[in-house]
Amino acid sequence: MKWEYSLVVQEYYSKSSGNVWFLNGEQRADWKNMHRAAVLNLMGREGWELVAAFEYSTSFYFKRLLP
């Protein structure tokens, strides 16, 4: 059994620029200003399991089984 891992990071800049999301270091323009719950649910629908998140953190660690 082999796993792959992903890191999702949320950056909040200001009310005018809003939330910016990164997936494995790459900015996701299509996720701009999405709420945290929406992004986490999106990852879950794509087969990712949330394995770590820390209080007051904007970093979320996911894993999923490789086919």
PDB file of N, CA and C in Angstrom:
ATOM      1  N   MET A   1       0.842  -1.164   0.000  1.00  0.00           N
ATOM      2  CA  MET A   1       0.000   0.000   0.000  1.00  0.00           C
ATOM      3  C   MET A   1       0.898   1.241   0.000  1.00  0.00           C
ATOM      4  N   LYS A   2       0.648   2.138  -0.952  1.00  0.00           N
ATOM      5  CA  LYS A   2       1.429   3.378  -1.044  1.00  0.00           C
ATOM      6  C   LYS A   2       0.482   4.565  -1.004  1.00  0.00           C
ATOM      7  N   TRP A   3       0.957   5.621  -0.347  1.00  0.00           N
ATOM      8  CA  TRP A   3       0.172   6.833  -0.182  1.00  0.00           C
ATOM      9  C   TRP A   3       0.831   8.000  -0.911  1.00  0.00           C
ATOM     10  N   GLU A   4       0.011   8.961  -1.313  1.00  0.00           N
ATOM     11  CA  GLU A   4       0.538  10.242  -1.777  1.00  0.00           C
ATOM     12  C   GLU A   4       0.014  11.309  -0.818  1.00  0.00           C
ATOM     13  N   TYR A   5       0.757  12.379  -0.700  1.00  0.00           N
ATOM     14  CA  TYR A   5       0.447  13.418   0.276  1.00  0.00           C
ATOM     15  C   TYR A   5       0.333  14.770  -0.401  1.00  0.00           C
ATOM     16  N   SER A   6      -0.492  15.636   0.177  1.00  0.00           N
ATOM     17  CA  SER A   6      -0.654  16.997  -0.327  1.00  0.00           C
ATOM     18  C   SER A   6      -0.715  17.972   0.835  1.00  0.00           C
ATOM     19  N   LEU A   7      -0.268  19.175   0.559  1.00  0.00           N
ATOM     20  CA  LEU A   7      -0.313  20.260   1.527  1.00  0.00           C
ATOM     21  C   LEU A   7      -1.148  21.398   0.943  1.00  0.00           C
ATOM     22  N   VAL A   8      -2.158  21.813   1.693  1.00  0.00           N
ATOM     23  CA  VAL A   8      -3.002  22.938   1.302  1.00  0.00           C
ATOM     24  C   VAL A   8      -2.747  24.057   2.308  1.00  0.00           C
ATOM     25  N   VAL A   9      -2.451  25.260   1.796  1.00  0.00           N
ATOM     26  CA  VAL A   9      -2.166  26.402   2.654  1.00  0.00           C
ATOM     27  C   VAL A   9      -3.087  27.548   2.267  1.00  0.00           C
ATOM     28  N   GLN A  10      -3.679  28.176   3.283  1.00  0.00           N
ATOM     29  CA  GLN A  10      -4.542  29.339   3.086  1.00  0.00           C
ATOM     30  C   GLN A  10      -3.790  30.582   3.534  1.00  0.00           C
ATOM     31  N   GLU A  11      -3.771  31.592   2.684  1.00  0.00           N
ATOM     32  CA  GLU A  11      -3.173  32.884   3.023  1.00  0.00           C
ATOM     33  C   GLU A  11      -4.283  33.923   2.964  1.00  0.00           C
ATOM     34  N   TYR A  12      -4.380  34.735   3.979  1.00  0.00           N
ATOM     35  CA  TYR A  12      -5.353  35.831   3.980  1.00  0.00           C
ATOM     36  C   TYR A  12      -4.586  37.139   3.903  1.00  0.00           C
ATOM     37  N   TYR A  13      -4.833  37.916   2.852  1.00  0.00           N
ATOM     38  CA  TYR A  13      -4.088  39.146   2.659  1.00  0.00           C
ATOM     39  C   TYR A  13      -4.828  40.365   3.190  1.00  0.00           C
ATOM     40  N   SER A  14      -6.046  40.569   2.748  1.00  0.00           N
ATOM     41  CA  SER A  14      -6.839  41.713   3.202  1.00  0.00           C
ATOM     42  C   SER A  14      -8.270  41.514   2.736  1.00  0.00           C
ATOM     43  N   LYS A  15      -9.154  42.395   3.204  1.00  0.00           N
ATOM     44  CA  LYS A  15     -10.544  42.286   2.751  1.00  0.00           C
ATOM     45  C   LYS A  15     -10.657  42.479   1.250  1.00  0.00           C
ATOM     46  N   SER A  16      -9.818  43.339   0.687  1.00  0.00           N
ATOM     47  CA  SER A  16      -9.921  43.606  -0.749  1.00  0.00           C
ATOM     48  C   SER A  16      -9.351  42.464  -1.590  1.00  0.00           C
ATOM     49  N   SER A  17      -8.257  41.835  -1.132  1.00  0.00           N
ATOM     50  CA  SER A  17      -7.682  40.742  -1.926  1.00  0.00           C
ATOM     51  C   SER A  17      -8.173  39.374  -1.469  1.00  0.00           C
ATOM     52  N   GLY A  18      -8.631  39.265  -0.236  1.00  0.00           N
ATOM     53  CA  GLY A  18      -9.261  38.037   0.241  1.00  0.00           C
ATOM     54  C   GLY A  18      -8.304  36.882   0.457  1.00  0.00           C
ATOM     55  N   ASN A  19      -8.869  35.673   0.409  1.00  0.00           N
ATOM     56  CA  ASN A  19      -8.110  34.447   0.614  1.00  0.00           C
ATOM     57  C   ASN A  19      -7.388  34.019  -0.650  1.00  0.00           C
ATOM     58  N   VAL A  20      -6.190  33.540  -0.478  1.00  0.00           N
ATOM     59  CA  VAL A  20      -5.435  32.937  -1.569  1.00  0.00           C
ATOM     60  C   VAL A  20      -5.034  31.553  -1.089  1.00  0.00           C
ATOM     61  N   TRP A  21      -5.240  30.553  -1.927  1.00  0.00           N
ATOM     62  CA  TRP A  21      -4.962  29.159  -1.571  1.00  0.00           C
ATOM     63  C   TRP A  21      -3.809  28.609  -2.396  1.00  0.00           C
ATOM     64  N   PHE A  22      -3.040  27.725  -1.763  1.00  0.00           N
ATOM     65  CA  PHE A  22      -1.931  27.045  -2.427  1.00  0.00           C
ATOM     66  C   PHE A  22      -2.093  25.546  -2.235  1.00  0.00           C
ATOM     67  N   LEU A  23      -1.849  24.794  -3.284  1.00  0.00           N
ATOM     68  CA  LEU A  23      -1.851  23.330  -3.228  1.00  0.00           C
ATOM     69  C   LEU A  23      -0.461  22.869  -3.625  1.00  0.00           C
ATOM     70  N   ASN A  24       0.244  22.285  -2.686  1.00  0.00           N
ATOM     71  CA  ASN A  24       1.620  21.815  -2.911  1.00  0.00           C
ATOM     72  C   ASN A  24       2.516  22.922  -3.479  1.00  0.00           C
ATOM     73  N   GLY A  25       2.346  24.134  -2.936  1.00  0.00           N
ATOM     74  CA  GLY A  25       3.197  25.254  -3.325  1.00  0.00           C
ATOM     75  C   GLY A  25       2.744  26.037  -4.543  1.00  0.00           C
ATOM     76  N   GLU A  26       1.705  25.569  -5.213  1.00  0.00           N
ATOM     77  CA  GLU A  26       1.202  26.248  -6.418  1.00  0.00           C
ATOM     78  C   GLU A  26      -0.086  26.986  -6.081  1.00  0.00           C
ATOM     79  N   GLN A  27      -0.134  28.278  -6.444  1.00  0.00           N
ATOM     80  CA  GLN A  27      -1.336  29.051  -6.164  1.00  0.00           C
ATOM     81  C   GLN A  27      -2.499  28.531  -6.987  1.00  0.00           C
ATOM     82  N   ARG A  28      -3.667  28.402  -6.341  1.00  0.00           N
ATOM     83  CA  ARG A  28      -4.881  27.946  -7.013  1.00  0.00           C
ATOM     84  C   ARG A  28      -5.817  29.128  -7.215  1.00  0.00           C
ATOM     85  N   ALA A  29      -5.727  29.758  -8.371  1.00  0.00           N
ATOM     86  CA  ALA A  29      -6.558  30.926  -8.668  1.00  0.00           C
ATOM     87  C   ALA A  29      -8.039  30.561  -8.662  1.00  0.00           C
ATOM     88  N   ASP A  30      -8.371  29.325  -9.041  1.00  0.00           N
ATOM     89  CA  ASP A  30      -9.770  28.900  -9.077  1.00  0.00           C
ATOM     90  C   ASP A  30     -10.362  28.721  -7.676  1.00  0.00           C
ATOM     91  N   TRP A  31      -9.534  28.723  -6.644  1.00  0.00           N
ATOM     92  CA  TRP A  31     -10.010  28.606  -5.257  1.00  0.00           C
ATOM     93  C   TRP A  31     -10.063  29.968  -4.572  1.00  0.00           C
ATOM     94  N   LYS A  32      -9.686  31.033  -5.259  1.00  0.00           N
ATOM     95  CA  LYS A  32      -9.597  32.361  -4.626  1.00  0.00           C
ATOM     96  C   LYS A  32     -10.910  32.706  -3.926  1.00  0.00           C
ATOM     97  N   ASN A  33     -10.795  33.154  -2.695  1.00  0.00           N
ATOM     98  CA  ASN A  33     -11.914  33.590  -1.857  1.00  0.00           C
ATOM     99  C   ASN A  33     -12.891  32.479  -1.485  1.00  0.00           C
ATOM    100  N   MET A  34     -12.539  31.225  -1.724  1.00  0.00           N
ATOM    101  CA  MET A  34     -13.386  30.124  -1.249  1.00  0.00           C
ATOM    102  C   MET A  34     -13.242  30.011   0.264  1.00  0.00           C
ATOM    103  N   HIS A  35     -14.325  29.661   0.920  1.00  0.00           N
ATOM    104  CA  HIS A  35     -14.282  29.436   2.363  1.00  0.00           C
ATOM    105  C   HIS A  35     -13.501  28.165   2.664  1.00  0.00           C
ATOM    106  N   ARG A  36     -12.919  28.117   3.834  1.00  0.00           N
ATOM    107  CA  ARG A  36     -12.106  26.980   4.253  1.00  0.00           C
ATOM    108  C   ARG A  36     -12.873  25.660   4.128  1.00  0.00           C
ATOM    109  N   ALA A  37     -14.108  25.621   4.607  1.00  0.00           N
ATOM    110  CA  ALA A  37     -14.894  24.385   4.551  1.00  0.00           C
ATOM    111  C   ALA A  37     -15.098  23.920   3.114  1.00  0.00           C
ATOM    112  N   ALA A  38     -15.288  24.847   2.190  1.00  0.00           N
ATOM    113  CA  ALA A  38     -15.493  24.486   0.784  1.00  0.00           C
ATOM    114  C   ALA A  38     -14.242  23.839   0.196  1.00  0.00           C
ATOM    115  N   VAL A  39     -13.072  24.383   0.524  1.00  0.00           N
ATOM    116  CA  VAL A  39     -11.817  23.814   0.013  1.00  0.00           C
ATOM    117  C   VAL A  39     -11.585  22.427   0.617  1.00  0.00           C
ATOM    118  N   LEU A  40     -11.798  22.293   1.922  1.00  0.00           N
ATOM    119  CA  LEU A  40     -11.601  20.992   2.562  1.00  0.00           C
ATOM    120  C   LEU A  40     -12.565  19.950   2.006  1.00  0.00           C
ATOM    121  N   ASN A  41     -13.814  20.346   1.768  1.00  0.00           N
ATOM    122  CA  ASN A  41     -14.785  19.420   1.167  1.00  0.00           C
ATOM    123  C   ASN A  41     -14.400  19.046  -0.257  1.00  0.00           C
ATOM    124  N   LEU A  42     -13.886  19.994  -1.010  1.00  0.00           N
ATOM    125  CA  LEU A  42     -13.426  19.718  -2.371  1.00  0.00           C
ATOM    126  C   LEU A  42     -12.328  18.656  -2.369  1.00  0.00           C
ATOM    127  N   MET A  43     -11.361  18.808  -1.460  1.00  0.00           N
ATOM    128  CA  MET A  43     -10.286  17.812  -1.354  1.00  0.00           C
ATOM    129  C   MET A  43     -10.863  16.438  -1.008  1.00  0.00           C
ATOM    130  N   GLY A  44     -11.817  16.405  -0.095  1.00  0.00           N
ATOM    131  CA  GLY A  44     -12.450  15.139   0.282  1.00  0.00           C
ATOM    132  C   GLY A  44     -13.164  14.484  -0.884  1.00  0.00           C
ATOM    133  N   ARG A  45     -13.863  15.270  -1.683  1.00  0.00           N
ATOM    134  CA  ARG A  45     -14.565  14.713  -2.853  1.00  0.00           C
ATOM    135  C   ARG A  45     -13.592  14.148  -3.877  1.00  0.00           C
ATOM    136  N   GLU A  46     -12.337  14.659  -3.865  1.00  0.00           N
ATOM    137  CA  GLU A  46     -11.320  14.151  -4.782  1.00  0.00           C
ATOM    138  C   GLU A  46     -10.553  12.961  -4.196  1.00  0.00           C
ATOM    139  N   GLY A  47     -11.025  12.460  -3.050  1.00  0.00           N
ATOM    140  CA  GLY A  47     -10.432  11.256  -2.473  1.00  0.00           C
ATOM    141  C   GLY A  47      -9.351  11.497  -1.442  1.00  0.00           C
ATOM    142  N   TRP A  48      -9.128  12.762  -1.058  1.00  0.00           N
ATOM    143  CA  TRP A  48      -8.099  13.083  -0.084  1.00  0.00           C
ATOM    144  C   TRP A  48      -8.664  12.993   1.324  1.00  0.00           C
ATOM    145  N   GLU A  49      -7.879  12.462   2.233  1.00  0.00           N
ATOM    146  CA  GLU A  49      -8.236  12.362   3.649  1.00  0.00           C
ATOM    147  C   GLU A  49      -7.407  13.377   4.434  1.00  0.00           C
ATOM    148  N   LEU A  50      -8.078  14.204   5.217  1.00  0.00           N
ATOM    149  CA  LEU A  50      -7.375  15.175   6.059  1.00  0.00           C
ATOM    150  C   LEU A  50      -6.696  14.423   7.196  1.00  0.00           C
ATOM    151  N   VAL A  51      -5.386  14.567   7.299  1.00  0.00           N
ATOM    152  CA  VAL A  51      -4.646  13.837   8.334  1.00  0.00           C
ATOM    153  C   VAL A  51      -4.060  14.751   9.401  1.00  0.00           C
ATOM    154  N   ALA A  52      -3.931  16.046   9.133  1.00  0.00           N
ATOM    155  CA  ALA A  52      -3.390  16.944  10.154  1.00  0.00           C
ATOM    156  C   ALA A  52      -3.804  18.378   9.868  1.00  0.00           C
ATOM    157  N   ALA A  53      -4.212  19.033  10.919  1.00  0.00           N
ATOM    158  CA  ALA A  53      -4.486  20.468  10.913  1.00  0.00           C
ATOM    159  C   ALA A  53      -4.280  20.906  12.351  1.00  0.00           C
ATOM    160  N   PHE A  54      -3.721  22.060  12.533  1.00  0.00           N
ATOM    161  CA  PHE A  54      -3.393  22.514  13.870  1.00  0.00           C
ATOM    162  C   PHE A  54      -4.221  23.737  14.223  1.00  0.00           C
ATOM    163  N   GLU A  55      -4.519  23.901  15.505  1.00  0.00           N
ATOM    164  CA  GLU A  55      -5.304  25.032  15.953  1.00  0.00           C
ATOM    165  C   GLU A  55      -4.671  26.334  15.478  1.00  0.00           C
ATOM    166  N   TYR A  56      -5.498  27.202  14.953  1.00  0.00           N
ATOM    167  CA  TYR A  56      -5.073  28.499  14.419  1.00  0.00           C
ATOM    168  C   TYR A  56      -4.130  28.370  13.225  1.00  0.00           C
ATOM    169  N   SER A  57      -4.117  27.205  12.589  1.00  0.00           N
ATOM    170  CA  SER A  57      -3.228  26.992  11.448  1.00  0.00           C
ATOM    171  C   SER A  57      -3.972  27.242  10.149  1.00  0.00           C
ATOM    172  N   THR A  58      -3.222  27.589   9.145  1.00  0.00           N
ATOM    173  CA  THR A  58      -3.788  27.704   7.805  1.00  0.00           C
ATOM    174  C   THR A  58      -3.153  26.663   6.892  1.00  0.00           C
ATOM    175  N   SER A  59      -2.550  25.639   7.487  1.00  0.00           N
ATOM    176  CA  SER A  59      -1.947  24.540   6.725  1.00  0.00           C
ATOM    177  C   SER A  59      -2.717  23.251   7.015  1.00  0.00           C
ATOM    178  N   PHE A  60      -3.015  22.526   5.946  1.00  0.00           N
ATOM    179  CA  PHE A  60      -3.785  21.294   6.066  1.00  0.00           C
ATOM    180  C   PHE A  60      -3.067  20.200   5.287  1.00  0.00           C
ATOM    181  N   TYR A  61      -2.873  19.061   5.929  1.00  0.00           N
ATOM    182  CA  TYR A  61      -2.138  17.954   5.334  1.00  0.00           C
ATOM    183  C   TYR A  61      -3.112  16.834   4.989  1.00  0.00           C
ATOM    184  N   PHE A  62      -2.997  16.322   3.763  1.00  0.00           N
ATOM    185  CA  PHE A  62      -3.905  15.296   3.261  1.00  0.00           C
ATOM    186  C   PHE A  62      -3.098  14.091   2.760  1.00  0.00           C
ATOM    187  N   LYS A  63      -3.778  12.937   2.713  1.00  0.00           N
ATOM    188  CA  LYS A  63      -3.188  11.763   2.069  1.00  0.00           C
ATOM    189  C   LYS A  63      -4.292  11.035   1.319  1.00  0.00           C
ATOM    190  N   ARG A  64      -3.871  10.238   0.329  1.00  0.00           N
ATOM    191  CA  ARG A  64      -4.795   9.330  -0.358  1.00  0.00           C
ATOM    192  C   ARG A  64      -4.002   8.158  -0.896  1.00  0.00           C
ATOM    193  N   LEU A  65      -4.678   7.058  -1.037  1.00  0.00           N
ATOM    194  CA  LEU A  65      -4.069   5.829  -1.504  1.00  0.00           C
ATOM    195  C   LEU A  65      -3.781   5.930  -3.000  1.00  0.00           C
ATOM    196  N   LEU A  66      -2.586   5.540  -3.389  1.00  0.00           N
ATOM    197  CA  LEU A  66      -2.261   5.512  -4.810  1.00  0.00           C
ATOM    198  C   LEU A  66      -2.955   4.331  -5.457  1.00  0.00           C
ATOM    199  N   PRO A  67      -3.387   4.505  -6.704  1.00  0.00           N
ATOM    200  CA  PRO A  67      -4.084   3.400  -7.402  1.00  0.00           C
ATOM    201  C   PRO A  67      -3.142   2.245  -7.708  1.00  0.00           C
TER     202      PRO A  67
END
